[in-house]
């Protein structure tokens, strides 16, 4: 009988806790997990190189803008990354996972960004892909009449782009507090359902004996 009362006592103690304890526990757990993730994860650095599309004699700025958009999509293809790996010193798979491009709807410019745990490698990858993209554009310049020029080279980043442990801890604490609040909203409904459900009654020994005697 003692063992049967242990879960009941634990449940009673949990119900006796103040409602805000769920939110506090979620904030604490989320903050610890988020902060731990920020400490254990290696910082990542991002470097960006810019190239600009230049129209030729038979084209205009609008045409250069259209080719800039196209080259922004081509920059992460194997045809370009295959040449870039020679200068970057990393395999194509690393470039595919680490390099991203961005274009502007108003300017014929392509931003080539690379991310790595080493700041010098991030700059090398960004510059290598930009160089390979310029070389690819020069190979078809006779047909497109649009060339690419280096606007600015990627420099070695001095600060990591990944969030710090304080930021990840804050995000984790916010997420944990939200989960705790959701659990707090669900808990009263469960308790109300338990109170509405009647518990089965078992007749006592005396009542059962009387009923047997009347039969």
Protein backbone atom coordinates (compact mmCIF):
# COMPACT_ATOMS: atom_id res chain seq x y z
CA UNK A 1 0.00 0.00 0.00
CA UNK A 2 2.93 2.30 0.71
CA UNK A 3 4.19 1.89 -2.84
CA UNK A 4 0.78 2.83 -4.24
CA UNK A 5 0.78 6.10 -2.33
CA UNK A 6 4.22 7.23 -3.60
CA UNK A 7 3.07 8.37 -7.08
CA UNK A 8 0.07 10.09 -5.52
CA UNK A 9 2.30 12.02 -3.11
CA UNK A 10 4.62 13.08 -5.92
CA UNK A 11 1.67 14.27 -7.99
CA UNK A 12 0.33 16.21 -5.03
CA UNK A 13 3.69 17.90 -4.51
CA UNK A 14 3.87 18.89 -8.17
CA UNK A 15 0.37 20.37 -7.99
CA UNK A 16 1.34 22.30 -4.87
CA UNK A 17 4.05 24.20 -6.78
CA UNK A 18 3.12 27.75 -7.84
CA UNK A 19 1.99 28.11 -11.47
CA UNK A 20 4.92 30.35 -12.42
CA UNK A 21 7.37 27.57 -11.52
CA UNK A 22 6.77 25.93 -14.91
CA UNK A 23 7.74 29.11 -16.73
CA UNK A 24 10.78 29.62 -14.49
CA UNK A 25 11.92 26.05 -15.01
CA UNK A 26 11.53 26.42 -18.79
CA UNK A 27 13.52 29.66 -18.82
CA UNK A 28 16.31 28.14 -16.74
CA UNK A 29 16.53 24.92 -18.77
CA UNK A 30 16.35 26.74 -22.10
CA UNK A 31 18.98 29.27 -21.05
CA UNK A 32 21.38 26.54 -19.93
CA UNK A 33 20.92 24.54 -23.12
CA UNK A 34 21.24 27.57 -25.38
CA UNK A 35 24.27 28.92 -23.56
CA UNK A 36 25.94 25.51 -23.61
CA UNK A 37 25.36 25.25 -27.34
CA UNK A 38 26.95 28.66 -27.88
CA UNK A 39 30.00 27.70 -25.82
CA UNK A 40 30.56 24.31 -27.43
CA UNK A 41 29.92 25.33 -31.05
CA UNK A 42 33.00 26.67 -32.83
CA UNK A 43 32.63 30.31 -33.99
CA UNK A 44 32.10 30.82 -37.71
CA UNK A 45 33.43 33.68 -39.82
CA UNK A 46 31.91 35.12 -42.99
CA UNK A 47 33.76 36.99 -45.73
CA UNK A 48 32.18 38.63 -48.78
CA UNK A 49 33.60 39.47 -52.18
CA UNK A 50 31.75 41.68 -54.69
CA UNK A 51 31.79 41.56 -58.50
CA UNK A 52 29.95 43.92 -60.81
CA UNK A 53 28.51 43.29 -64.27
CA UNK A 54 29.70 45.80 -66.88
CA UNK A 55 27.78 46.27 -70.16
CA UNK A 56 29.67 46.26 -73.44
CA UNK A 57 29.25 48.45 -76.50
CA UNK A 58 26.15 46.62 -77.73
CA UNK A 59 24.36 46.37 -74.37
CA UNK A 60 22.99 48.66 -71.71
CA UNK A 61 22.72 48.74 -67.92
CA UNK A 62 19.41 46.85 -67.89
CA UNK A 63 21.03 43.96 -69.77
CA UNK A 64 23.97 43.97 -67.35
CA UNK A 65 21.52 43.87 -64.47
CA UNK A 66 19.84 40.80 -65.94
CA UNK A 67 23.15 39.01 -66.40
CA UNK A 68 24.16 39.87 -62.85
CA UNK A 69 21.07 38.05 -61.63
CA UNK A 70 21.96 35.07 -63.82
CA UNK A 71 25.58 34.99 -62.69
CA UNK A 72 24.43 35.09 -59.08
CA UNK A 73 22.68 31.77 -59.66
CA UNK A 74 25.55 30.29 -61.68
CA UNK A 75 28.18 31.10 -59.04
CA UNK A 76 27.31 28.09 -56.88
CA UNK A 77 27.17 25.62 -59.78
CA UNK A 78 29.77 22.93 -60.32
CA UNK A 79 31.12 24.64 -63.45
CA UNK A 80 32.29 27.60 -61.36
CA UNK A 81 33.09 25.79 -58.12
CA UNK A 82 35.24 23.29 -59.99
CA UNK A 83 37.61 26.11 -60.96
CA UNK A 84 37.35 27.84 -57.60
CA UNK A 85 38.51 24.81 -55.62
CA UNK A 86 41.99 25.13 -57.12
CA UNK A 87 42.48 28.61 -55.68
CA UNK A 88 40.53 28.03 -52.48
CA UNK A 89 42.36 24.81 -51.59
CA UNK A 90 39.16 23.04 -50.50
CA UNK A 91 36.96 20.44 -52.25
CA UNK A 92 33.87 21.35 -54.24
CA UNK A 93 31.60 19.95 -51.52
CA UNK A 94 33.02 22.41 -48.98
CA UNK A 95 32.46 25.31 -51.37
CA UNK A 96 28.91 24.16 -52.10
CA UNK A 97 28.09 24.03 -48.38
CA UNK A 98 29.89 27.25 -47.42
CA UNK A 99 29.34 29.72 -50.28
CA UNK A 100 26.20 31.80 -50.81
CA UNK A 101 25.47 34.53 -53.32
CA UNK A 102 23.16 37.52 -53.30
CA UNK A 103 22.11 39.99 -55.98
CA UNK A 104 20.32 43.32 -56.01
CA UNK A 105 17.29 44.18 -58.15
CA UNK A 106 18.65 47.72 -58.59
CA UNK A 107 22.42 47.25 -59.10
CA UNK A 108 24.28 44.84 -61.43
CA UNK A 109 26.34 43.44 -58.57
CA UNK A 110 26.88 39.95 -57.16
CA UNK A 111 27.92 39.38 -53.55
CA UNK A 112 29.79 36.13 -52.95
CA UNK A 113 29.92 35.17 -49.26
CA UNK A 114 31.77 32.24 -47.71
CA UNK A 115 31.56 30.93 -44.14
CA UNK A 116 34.22 28.94 -42.28
CA UNK A 117 35.56 28.35 -38.78
CA UNK A 118 38.83 29.89 -40.06
CA UNK A 119 38.63 33.58 -41.04
CA UNK A 120 41.44 33.29 -43.61
CA UNK A 121 39.76 30.33 -45.28
CA UNK A 122 36.45 32.20 -45.47
CA UNK A 123 38.17 35.04 -47.34
CA UNK A 124 40.04 32.64 -49.64
CA UNK A 125 36.85 30.80 -50.59
CA UNK A 126 34.90 33.99 -51.30
CA UNK A 127 37.70 35.43 -53.46
CA UNK A 128 38.23 32.11 -55.26
CA UNK A 129 34.58 31.79 -56.27
CA UNK A 130 34.46 35.44 -57.36
CA UNK A 131 37.59 34.91 -59.46
CA UNK A 132 36.17 31.76 -61.04
CA UNK A 133 32.90 33.56 -61.79
CA UNK A 134 34.75 36.40 -63.53
CA UNK A 135 36.69 33.88 -65.57
CA UNK A 136 33.47 32.11 -66.53
CA UNK A 137 31.90 35.41 -67.64
CA UNK A 138 34.96 36.33 -69.72
CA UNK A 139 34.72 33.00 -71.56
CA UNK A 140 31.27 33.89 -72.92
CA UNK A 141 31.71 37.66 -73.12
CA UNK A 142 31.85 37.57 -76.94
CA UNK A 143 28.28 36.24 -76.94
CA UNK A 144 26.77 38.06 -73.95
CA UNK A 145 28.57 41.39 -74.43
CA UNK A 146 28.59 41.67 -70.63
CA UNK A 147 31.67 41.20 -68.48
CA UNK A 148 32.33 40.89 -64.78
CA UNK A 149 34.87 42.92 -62.84
CA UNK A 150 36.12 42.64 -59.29
CA UNK A 151 34.45 45.39 -57.28
CA UNK A 152 36.00 44.56 -53.91
CA UNK A 153 37.93 41.58 -52.58
CA UNK A 154 36.93 39.77 -49.41
CA UNK A 155 39.07 40.64 -46.44
CA UNK A 156 39.88 38.46 -43.47
CA UNK A 157 36.99 38.93 -41.00
CA UNK A 158 38.00 40.09 -37.55
CA UNK A 159 34.88 39.01 -35.67
CA UNK A 160 32.77 35.86 -35.92
CA UNK A 161 29.40 36.04 -37.63
CA UNK A 162 27.88 33.26 -35.54
CA UNK A 163 25.92 34.28 -32.42
CA UNK A 164 27.72 34.36 -29.08
CA UNK A 165 26.91 32.16 -26.08
CA UNK A 166 24.99 35.06 -24.51
CA UNK A 167 22.75 35.37 -27.57
CA UNK A 168 22.09 31.63 -27.87
CA UNK A 169 21.41 31.50 -24.13
CA UNK A 170 18.88 34.31 -24.45
CA UNK A 171 17.18 32.57 -27.37
CA UNK A 172 17.08 29.31 -25.45
CA UNK A 173 15.65 31.00 -22.38
CA UNK A 174 12.92 32.63 -24.47
CA UNK A 175 12.02 29.32 -26.09
CA UNK A 176 12.02 27.55 -22.72
CA UNK A 177 9.80 30.20 -21.18
CA UNK A 178 7.37 29.89 -24.07
CA UNK A 179 7.16 26.12 -23.62
CA UNK A 180 6.66 26.56 -19.90
CA UNK A 181 3.82 29.02 -20.52
CA UNK A 182 2.17 26.58 -22.92
CA UNK A 183 2.44 23.82 -20.33
CA UNK A 184 0.89 26.18 -17.80
CA UNK A 185 -2.08 26.74 -20.08
CA UNK A 186 -2.61 23.01 -20.57
CA UNK A 187 -2.27 21.98 -16.93
CA UNK A 188 -5.55 23.50 -15.57
CA UNK A 189 -7.55 21.66 -18.23
CA UNK A 190 -6.12 18.35 -17.13
CA UNK A 191 -6.84 19.05 -13.49
CA UNK A 192 -10.41 20.07 -14.28
CA UNK A 193 -10.91 16.86 -16.23
CA UNK A 194 -9.60 14.84 -13.28
CA UNK A 195 -11.99 16.57 -10.88
CA UNK A 196 -15.02 15.97 -13.11
CA UNK A 197 -14.30 12.24 -13.52
CA UNK A 198 -15.89 10.49 -10.51
CA UNK A 199 -13.79 7.90 -8.74
CA UNK A 200 -15.36 4.43 -8.40
CA UNK A 201 -16.77 3.72 -4.92
CA UNK A 202 -16.13 0.39 -3.20
CA UNK A 203 -18.62 -0.66 -0.50
CA UNK A 204 -17.15 -1.13 2.93
CA UNK A 205 -17.08 -4.52 4.68
CA UNK A 206 -20.09 -3.69 6.88
CA UNK A 207 -22.26 -2.59 3.93
CA UNK A 208 -21.27 -5.68 1.94
CA UNK A 209 -22.15 -7.96 4.93
CA UNK A 210 -25.58 -6.37 5.37
CA UNK A 211 -26.35 -6.78 1.71
CA UNK A 212 -25.33 -10.44 1.87
CA UNK A 213 -27.52 -11.04 4.94
CA UNK A 214 -30.57 -9.55 3.26
CA UNK A 215 -30.15 -11.95 0.37
